[in-house]
Protein backbone atom coordinates (compact mmCIF):
# COMPACT_ATOMS: atom_id res chain seq x y z
CA MET A 1 0.02 0.02 -0.04
CA SER A 2 1.42 3.49 -1.17
CA HIS A 3 2.08 6.45 1.00
CA LEU A 4 -0.85 8.27 -0.28
CA ASP A 5 -3.16 5.61 -0.07
CA GLN A 6 -2.24 5.10 3.91
CA THR A 7 -2.76 8.70 4.76
CA GLU A 8 -6.23 8.71 2.64
CA ILE A 9 -7.35 6.09 5.03
CA GLU A 10 -5.97 7.55 8.06
CA SER A 11 -7.94 11.08 7.19
CA LYS A 12 -11.22 9.53 6.59
CA PRO A 13 -11.69 8.81 9.80
CA ASN A 14 -10.72 12.14 11.03
CA ARG A 15 -13.21 13.66 8.45
CA GLU A 16 -15.98 11.97 9.90
CA ASN A 17 -14.83 12.84 13.14
CA ASP A 18 -15.28 16.82 12.09
CA ALA A 19 -18.45 15.84 10.47
CA MET A 20 -19.82 14.52 13.93
CA SER A 21 -18.46 17.39 15.71
CA ALA A 22 -19.86 19.81 13.39
CA VAL A 23 -23.34 18.48 13.64
CA LYS A 24 -23.03 17.65 18.02
CA LYS A 25 -22.08 21.78 17.91
CA PHE A 26 -25.17 22.65 15.56
CA ILE A 27 -27.32 20.61 18.13
CA ALA A 28 -26.07 21.86 21.18
CA THR A 29 -26.82 25.48 19.62
CA ALA A 30 -30.10 24.61 18.43
CA GLY A 31 -30.67 23.72 21.81
CA ARG A 32 -29.36 26.46 23.67
CA PHE A 33 -31.66 28.43 21.31
CA PHE A 34 -34.93 26.94 22.03
CA ARG A 35 -34.40 26.27 25.52
CA GLY A 36 -36.82 28.32 27.57
CA ASN A 37 -37.59 30.04 24.13
CA PRO A 38 -41.55 29.36 23.74
CA ALA A 39 -41.76 31.89 20.90
CA GLY A 40 -38.82 30.41 18.93
CA ILE A 41 -40.31 26.94 19.28
CA ILE A 42 -43.79 27.71 18.43
CA GLY A 43 -42.07 30.16 15.28
CA ALA A 44 -40.24 27.42 13.96
CA THR A 45 -42.88 24.44 14.44
CA LEU A 46 -45.31 26.39 12.00
CA VAL A 47 -42.34 27.50 9.86
CA SER A 48 -41.09 23.97 9.24
CA THR A 49 -44.35 22.40 8.91
CA VAL A 50 -45.62 24.13 6.38
CA ILE A 51 -42.49 24.06 4.57
CA ILE A 52 -42.14 20.18 5.44
CA ALA A 53 -45.75 19.90 3.95
CA CYS A 54 -45.13 21.93 1.02
CA LEU A 55 -41.91 19.80 0.12
CA ALA A 56 -44.35 16.49 0.52
CA ALA A 57 -47.03 17.62 -1.72
CA PRO A 58 -46.52 14.88 -3.97
CA LEU A 59 -46.71 12.23 -0.97
CA LEU A 60 -49.97 14.24 0.34
CA THR A 61 -51.82 14.86 -3.06
CA ASP A 62 -51.83 12.99 -6.52
CA LYS A 63 -53.54 15.96 -8.29
CA ASP A 64 -52.40 18.07 -10.41
CA PRO A 65 -53.05 21.63 -9.08
CA ASN A 66 -53.29 22.61 -13.03
CA ARG A 67 -55.57 20.33 -14.24
CA ARG A 68 -59.35 20.58 -13.50
CA VAL A 69 -60.50 17.63 -11.17
CA ALA A 70 -63.98 18.71 -9.62
CA ARG A 71 -66.83 20.80 -10.70
CA GLY A 72 -66.10 24.39 -10.01
CA HIS A 73 -66.79 26.07 -6.22
CA GLN A 74 -66.99 22.55 -4.61
CA PRO A 75 -67.17 22.72 -0.76
CA PRO A 76 -64.53 21.06 1.21
CA SER A 77 -64.95 17.19 1.34
CA ALA A 78 -63.53 13.88 2.08
CA GLU A 79 -62.30 13.74 -1.58
CA LEU A 80 -61.11 17.29 -1.38
CA TRP A 81 -60.23 18.27 1.74
CA PHE A 82 -59.84 22.27 0.91
CA GLY A 83 -62.46 22.18 -1.90
CA SER A 84 -61.91 23.19 -5.33
CA THR A 85 -61.70 26.66 -6.90
CA ARG A 86 -64.35 28.72 -10.03
CA ALA A 87 -61.95 26.60 -12.31
CA GLY A 88 -62.77 23.24 -10.55
CA LYS A 89 -59.05 22.76 -9.38
CA ASP A 90 -57.81 21.03 -6.18
CA VAL A 91 -57.31 23.76 -3.75
CA PHE A 92 -55.60 21.34 -1.69
CA SER A 93 -53.23 20.34 -4.62
CA GLN A 94 -52.61 24.45 -5.46
CA VAL A 95 -51.71 25.72 -1.90
CA LEU A 96 -48.71 23.09 -1.68
CA TYR A 97 -47.94 23.08 -4.83
CA GLY A 98 -48.05 27.05 -4.95
CA GLY A 99 -46.29 27.19 -1.28
CA ARG A 100 -43.36 26.01 -2.55
CA VAL A 101 -43.23 29.09 -5.37
CA SER A 102 -43.97 31.76 -2.41
CA LEU A 103 -41.42 30.28 -0.07
CA VAL A 104 -38.83 29.70 -2.44
CA VAL A 105 -39.57 33.66 -3.31
CA ALA A 106 -39.63 34.66 -0.25
CA PHE A 107 -36.49 32.75 0.82
CA SER A 108 -34.28 33.91 -2.37
CA ALA A 109 -35.21 37.81 -1.93
CA ALA A 110 -34.23 37.47 1.89
CA LEU A 111 -31.01 35.86 0.67
CA THR A 112 -30.43 38.08 -2.20
CA THR A 113 -31.09 41.37 0.73
CA THR A 114 -29.24 39.68 3.20
CA ILE A 115 -25.74 39.24 1.20
CA LEU A 116 -25.81 43.05 -0.28
CA ALA A 117 -26.83 44.50 3.76
CA LEU A 118 -23.76 42.50 4.64
CA LEU A 119 -21.46 43.06 1.93
CA VAL A 120 -22.19 47.37 2.01
CA GLY A 121 -22.72 47.46 5.59
CA VAL A 122 -19.39 45.58 6.40
CA THR A 123 -17.23 47.04 3.75
CA SER A 124 -18.74 50.55 4.60
CA GLY A 125 -18.22 50.64 8.11
CA TYR A 126 -14.42 49.00 8.67
CA MET A 127 -13.22 50.56 5.50
CA GLY A 128 -14.03 54.33 6.52
CA GLY A 129 -13.25 57.23 4.51
CA LYS A 130 -14.14 57.77 0.30
CA VAL A 131 -15.36 53.89 0.48
CA ASP A 132 -18.01 54.63 3.45
CA GLU A 133 -19.10 57.67 1.60
CA VAL A 134 -19.85 56.70 -1.41
CA MET A 135 -21.42 53.61 -0.35
CA MET A 136 -23.49 55.35 2.30
CA ALA A 137 -24.51 57.73 -0.43
CA VAL A 138 -25.84 55.07 -2.68
CA THR A 139 -27.49 53.76 0.10
CA ASN A 140 -29.08 56.95 1.24
CA ILE A 141 -30.54 57.05 -2.23
CA PHE A 142 -32.60 54.25 -1.85
CA LEU A 143 -33.97 54.63 1.58
CA VAL A 144 -35.73 57.84 0.39
CA LEU A 145 -37.22 56.25 -2.34
CA PRO A 146 -40.72 54.60 -1.17
CA GLN A 147 -40.42 50.88 -1.40
CA LEU A 148 -44.01 49.78 -2.15
CA PRO A 149 -44.83 52.10 -5.07
CA LEU A 150 -41.41 51.33 -6.29
CA LEU A 151 -42.33 47.80 -6.44
CA ILE A 152 -45.48 48.40 -7.94
CA ILE A 153 -44.23 50.50 -10.47
CA LEU A 154 -41.49 48.07 -11.64
CA ALA A 155 -43.66 45.14 -11.48
CA ALA A 156 -45.67 47.04 -14.15
CA PHE A 157 -43.16 48.19 -16.06
CA LEU A 158 -42.20 45.04 -16.95
CA GLY A 159 -45.46 43.51 -17.41
CA GLU A 160 -46.59 39.86 -15.67
CA VAL A 161 -43.51 38.82 -13.73
CA GLY A 162 -42.53 35.97 -12.84
CA PRO A 163 -41.67 34.55 -9.46
CA LEU A 164 -38.07 34.86 -9.95
CA ILE A 165 -37.98 38.55 -10.91
CA ILE A 166 -40.45 39.43 -8.42
CA ALA A 167 -37.33 37.84 -5.71
CA LEU A 168 -35.04 39.81 -7.68
CA ILE A 169 -37.38 42.83 -7.31
CA ILE A 170 -37.93 42.69 -3.56
CA GLY A 171 -34.09 41.45 -3.02
CA PHE A 172 -32.58 44.81 -4.94
CA THR A 173 -34.93 47.02 -3.25
CA SER A 174 -34.67 46.22 0.40
CA TRP A 175 -31.29 46.00 1.58
CA PRO A 176 -30.79 49.65 2.58
CA TRP A 177 -32.27 49.56 6.15
CA GLY A 178 -29.73 46.13 7.23
CA ALA A 179 -26.62 48.08 5.58
CA ARG A 180 -27.30 50.67 7.99
CA VAL A 181 -27.45 48.78 10.79
CA MET A 182 -25.02 46.47 10.01
CA ARG A 183 -22.20 49.59 9.38
CA SER A 184 -23.21 50.94 12.86
CA GLN A 185 -22.33 47.43 14.50
CA THR A 186 -19.04 47.22 12.38
CA LEU A 187 -18.37 50.74 13.68
CA VAL A 188 -18.75 49.64 17.00
CA LEU A 189 -17.04 46.22 16.70
CA ARG A 190 -14.16 48.05 14.62
CA ARG A 191 -12.99 49.80 17.72
CA LYS A 192 -12.18 46.34 19.80
CA GLU A 193 -9.19 44.99 20.84
CA PHE A 194 -9.46 41.66 18.83
CA ILE A 195 -9.69 43.82 15.75
CA THR A 196 -7.22 46.04 17.07
CA SER A 197 -4.86 42.77 17.83
CA ALA A 198 -5.44 41.62 14.09
CA GLU A 199 -4.56 44.34 12.26
CA VAL A 200 -1.44 45.00 14.07
CA MET A 201 -0.32 41.27 13.11
CA GLY A 202 -0.58 42.40 9.68
CA GLU A 203 -4.24 40.44 8.64
CA SER A 204 -5.66 41.72 5.36
CA LYS A 205 -8.61 44.12 5.56
CA TRP A 206 -10.89 41.44 3.68
CA ARG A 207 -9.31 38.44 6.07
CA ILE A 208 -10.24 40.68 9.01
CA ILE A 209 -13.97 41.30 7.32
CA VAL A 210 -14.76 37.32 6.82
CA ILE A 211 -13.12 36.12 10.06
CA GLU A 212 -13.61 38.74 12.68
CA ILE A 213 -16.47 40.76 12.27
CA ILE A 214 -18.87 38.77 9.97
CA PRO A 215 -19.20 35.63 12.73
CA ASN A 216 -20.02 38.56 15.46
CA LEU A 217 -22.81 40.00 13.60
CA ILE A 218 -24.64 36.41 13.04
CA SER A 219 -27.38 37.49 15.26
CA LEU A 220 -28.11 40.23 13.29
CA VAL A 221 -27.78 38.81 10.07
CA ALA A 222 -30.01 35.77 11.32
CA GLY A 223 -32.74 38.27 12.40
CA MET A 224 -32.69 40.35 9.01
CA PHE A 225 -32.93 37.41 6.85
CA ILE A 226 -35.90 36.06 8.74
CA GLY A 227 -37.08 39.78 8.74
CA THR A 228 -36.85 40.11 5.31
CA ALA A 229 -38.46 36.77 4.17
CA LEU A 230 -41.53 37.66 5.96
CA TYR A 231 -41.58 41.29 4.35
CA ALA A 232 -41.29 39.64 1.20
CA ILE A 233 -43.81 37.12 1.53
CA GLY A 234 -46.08 39.70 2.04
CA MET A 235 -45.20 41.86 -0.65
CA GLN A 236 -45.07 38.86 -3.12
CA VAL A 237 -48.63 38.04 -2.35
CA THR A 238 -49.35 41.41 -2.48
CA LEU A 239 -48.09 42.19 -6.25
CA GLU A 240 -49.54 39.01 -7.38
CA PHE A 241 -52.71 39.72 -5.80
CA LEU A 242 -52.75 42.93 -7.45
CA GLY A 243 -52.60 40.99 -10.61
CA LEU A 244 -48.43 42.06 -11.35
CA GLY A 245 -47.18 38.66 -11.53
CA ASP A 246 -47.69 35.77 -13.71
CA ALA A 247 -51.35 34.70 -13.22
CA SER A 248 -50.12 31.51 -15.02
CA VAL A 249 -48.24 30.09 -12.03
CA VAL A 250 -49.61 28.63 -9.08
CA SER A 251 -48.47 30.34 -5.74
CA TRP A 252 -50.34 32.02 -2.75
CA GLY A 253 -50.67 35.27 -4.39
CA THR A 254 -52.12 33.97 -7.19
CA MET A 255 -54.82 31.83 -5.53
CA LEU A 256 -56.05 35.13 -4.08
CA TYR A 257 -56.06 36.70 -6.84
CA TRP A 258 -57.92 34.08 -9.05
CA ALA A 259 -60.14 33.65 -5.79
CA GLN A 260 -60.92 37.65 -6.21
CA ALA A 261 -61.38 37.75 -9.71
CA THR A 262 -64.06 34.75 -9.59
CA ALA A 263 -65.78 36.72 -6.22
CA ALA A 264 -65.32 33.58 -4.34
CA LEU A 265 -66.50 35.25 -0.86
CA TYR A 266 -69.65 36.71 -2.86
CA VAL A 267 -70.60 33.65 -3.86
CA GLY A 268 -70.10 31.76 -0.36
CA ALA A 269 -66.65 29.60 -1.61
CA TRP A 270 -64.55 31.12 1.27
CA TRP A 271 -62.41 27.91 0.97
CA ASP A 272 -61.23 29.60 -2.43
CA PHE A 273 -59.85 32.28 -0.36
CA ILE A 274 -59.55 31.40 3.38
CA ILE A 275 -57.36 28.72 2.88
CA PRO A 276 -54.44 30.21 0.89
CA GLY A 277 -54.68 33.36 3.09
CA LEU A 278 -54.58 30.76 6.28
CA PHE A 279 -50.95 29.50 5.03
CA VAL A 280 -49.71 32.80 4.48
CA ALA A 281 -50.61 34.05 8.08
CA THR A 282 -48.99 30.67 9.47
CA VAL A 283 -45.47 31.11 8.11
CA GLY A 284 -46.00 35.24 8.40
CA GLY A 285 -46.87 34.46 12.20
CA GLY A 286 -43.98 31.97 12.57
CA LEU A 287 -41.07 34.14 11.02
CA ALA A 288 -42.75 36.75 13.54
CA LEU A 289 -41.97 34.61 16.42
CA LEU A 290 -38.62 33.73 14.90
CA ASN A 291 -37.52 37.03 14.62
CA MET A 292 -38.89 37.98 17.85
CA SER A 293 -37.26 35.45 19.53
CA ILE A 294 -34.05 35.95 18.11
CA ASP A 295 -34.27 39.60 19.16
CA GLN A 296 -34.57 38.03 22.97
CA VAL A 297 -31.51 35.61 22.70
CA SER A 298 -29.27 38.04 21.16
CA ASN A 299 -30.16 41.34 23.20
CA PRO A 300 -30.40 40.88 27.26
CA LYS A 301 -32.70 44.15 27.56
CA LEU A 302 -35.49 41.81 25.59
CA ARG A 303 -35.13 38.56 27.41
CA THR A 304 -38.40 37.76 29.11
CA GLY A 305 -40.56 35.13 30.44
CA SER A 306 -38.57 32.04 31.59
CA TYR A 307 -35.49 32.38 29.45
CA ILE A 308 -34.32 35.43 31.56
CA LYS A 309 -33.86 32.62 34.16
CA ILE A 310 -31.88 30.52 32.22
CA TRP A 311 -29.51 33.34 30.65
CA LYS A 312 -28.61 34.63 33.98
CA ARG A 313 -27.70 30.91 35.06
CA MET A 314 -25.69 30.76 32.15
CA LYS A 315 -23.75 33.88 32.80
CA ALA A 316 -22.89 32.98 36.45
CA GLU A 317 -21.66 30.06 35.11
CA VAL A 318 -19.46 32.14 32.89
CA ASP A 319 -18.66 34.23 35.57
CA ALA A 320 -17.47 32.00 37.95
CA LYS A 321 -15.31 30.20 35.14
CA ARG A 322 -13.08 33.61 34.33
CA LYS A 323 -12.66 33.59 38.30
């Protein structure tokens, strides 16, 4: 056996141990986050339940969301759990498959916004000087633009935009406020001793940003991502409900659009309107609770209930170890 093969065999257990350690560390971190944190538990349960149901749509229903399967506006029954639309399509299959589209739009827009805000805010705050002035000037221009009218104008100008375009429009217009927050926190971190030490040791600016600063902004990044996802799902539903999206694509927004267009509430077909609205409200409420729980964990002044007792006990243990 060659030396290379022997080295590869010896390194394989090390990689497996590293992977197991990472998994255990993630589980421990998640346990600390959810322990004594009912808002986080409820929010994560609501959001994960809807996500799992949407991902498992082919297992939960065999009906095509785009095909007519019954007469128009059939009420919920054993065969049609959530009834049918005016066009005779199954509401249950539509709300699951449509949820995939709406959730992808929300999380894609949130990811785009978070990345842009992080890049602009951290770079501006740490670099300073002309870089800071130029970046903040651009950020301030975007901040003063009225966002909802801007979204409506862009969507109307582009015509019946698909989910991808909606995600990009929301993502590229929602980053300025997050960039300002990231910049302010970076300015605080910039004065810390560990940043000064890294600069004295000759570390490059980009390495300091990536290795030293960004890991200390994780709670802000997570809160921004979830908050933007909540905003994005509301904006996507709003744009499509107003008829500015592609009505041929099944999503929660287009379901509400067609329910309004066919006067579902007026003819008593409440399920055609209420069901997608409940799914939007469930995901929105879950994201709001998760965002609230992240604020409580990251900001000691916001900690309430049983979590404050756990935090005080953990803080006392850390202080005891330091002594």
